C-alpha atoms as a PDB file:
ATOM      1  CA  MET A   1       0.093  -0.097   0.144  1.00  0.00           C
ATOM      2  CA  LYS A   2       1.511   3.672  -0.779  1.00  0.00           C
ATOM      3  CA  TRP A   3       0.190   6.423   1.431  1.00  0.00           C
ATOM      4  CA  THR A   4       0.518   8.704  -1.738  1.00  0.00           C
ATOM      5  CA  ASP A   5      -2.154   7.022  -3.494  1.00  0.00           C
ATOM      6  CA  LEU A   6      -4.378   6.256  -0.266  1.00  0.00           C
ATOM      7  CA  TRP A   7      -4.188  10.355   0.221  1.00  0.00           C
ATOM      8  CA  MET A   8      -4.938  10.795  -3.776  1.00  0.00           C
ATOM      9  CA  LYS A   9      -8.247   8.681  -3.055  1.00  0.00           C
ATOM     10  CA  LEU A  10      -9.308  10.601  -0.251  1.00  0.00           C
ATOM     11  CA  PHE A  11      -8.676  14.201  -0.998  1.00  0.00           C
ATOM     12  CA  GLY A  12      -7.213  14.025  -4.659  1.00  0.00           C
ATOM     13  CA  THR A  13      -4.179  16.055  -3.907  1.00  0.00           C
ATOM     14  CA  ALA A  14      -0.638  15.060  -2.529  1.00  0.00           C
ATOM     15  CA  SER A  15       0.215  18.456  -1.819  1.00  0.00           C
ATOM     16  CA  PHE A  16      -0.819  21.714  -0.174  1.00  0.00           C
ATOM     17  CA  LEU A  17       0.918  25.559  -0.874  1.00  0.00           C
ATOM     18  CA  GLY A  18       3.286  23.245  -3.359  1.00  0.00           C
ATOM     19  CA  ILE A  19       4.686  21.394  -0.577  1.00  0.00           C
ATOM     20  CA  ASP A  20       4.418  17.447  -0.171  1.00  0.00           C
ATOM     21  CA  MET A  21       2.198  16.201   2.284  1.00  0.00           C
ATOM     22  CA  GLY A  22       5.182  13.982   3.864  1.00  0.00           C
ATOM     23  CA  PHE A  23       6.662  17.403   4.848  1.00  0.00           C
ATOM     24  CA  TRP A  24       3.169  19.156   6.510  1.00  0.00           C
ATOM     25  CA  ALA A  25       2.852  15.608   8.187  1.00  0.00           C
ATOM     26  CA  ALA A  26       6.364  15.601  10.131  1.00  0.00           C
ATOM     27  CA  LEU A  27       5.785  19.013  10.654  1.00  0.00           C
ATOM     28  CA  THR A  28       2.589  18.377  12.445  1.00  0.00           C
ATOM     29  CA  GLY A  29       4.470  15.269  14.512  1.00  0.00           C
ATOM     30  CA  VAL A  30       7.402  17.919  15.675  1.00  0.00           C
ATOM     31  CA  LEU A  31       4.588  20.483  16.694  1.00  0.00           C
ATOM     32  CA  LEU A  32       2.987  17.459  18.762  1.00  0.00           C
ATOM     33  CA  ILE A  33       6.037  16.718  20.493  1.00  0.00           C
ATOM     34  CA  VAL A  34       6.827  20.203  21.001  1.00  0.00           C
ATOM     35  CA  LEU A  35       3.720  20.532  22.975  1.00  0.00           C
ATOM     36  CA  LEU A  36       3.570  17.635  25.131  1.00  0.00           C
ATOM     37  CA  MET A  37       7.238  19.035  26.098  1.00  0.00           C
ATOM     38  CA  ASN A  38       6.156  22.415  26.620  1.00  0.00           C
ATOM     39  CA  ALA A  39       3.023  20.542  28.765  1.00  0.00           C
ATOM     40  CA  VAL A  40       4.960  18.378  30.855  1.00  0.00           C
ATOM     41  CA  PHE A  41       8.065  21.000  31.640  1.00  0.00           C
ATOM     42  CA  TRP A  42       5.807  23.900  32.777  1.00  0.00           C
ATOM     43  CA  GLY A  43       3.446  21.456  34.910  1.00  0.00           C
ATOM     44  CA  MET A  44       6.603  20.302  36.683  1.00  0.00           C
ATOM     45  CA  LYS A  45       6.878  21.648  40.214  1.00  0.00           C
ATOM     46  CA  PRO A  46      10.363  23.327  41.252  1.00  0.00           C
ATOM     47  CA  LYS A  47      12.917  21.292  43.198  1.00  0.00           C
ATOM     48  CA  GLU A  48      13.174  22.415  46.798  1.00  0.00           C
ATOM     49  CA  LYS A  49      16.453  23.722  47.811  1.00  0.00           C
ATOM     50  CA  MET A  50      18.075  21.337  50.433  1.00  0.00           C
ATOM     51  CA  LYS A  51      19.869  23.537  53.607  1.00  0.00           C
END
């Protein structure tokens, strides 16, 4: 199974704004990872200092 053929049957195009859908899928994956990492790190409480 080729993903491009499946995409073409569903949406009729394999590019958006002149850029291949593989690029947009990778960009979306990176964006999701960055958002997840931000949510995790912003949710952490600071470590208490030892006296």
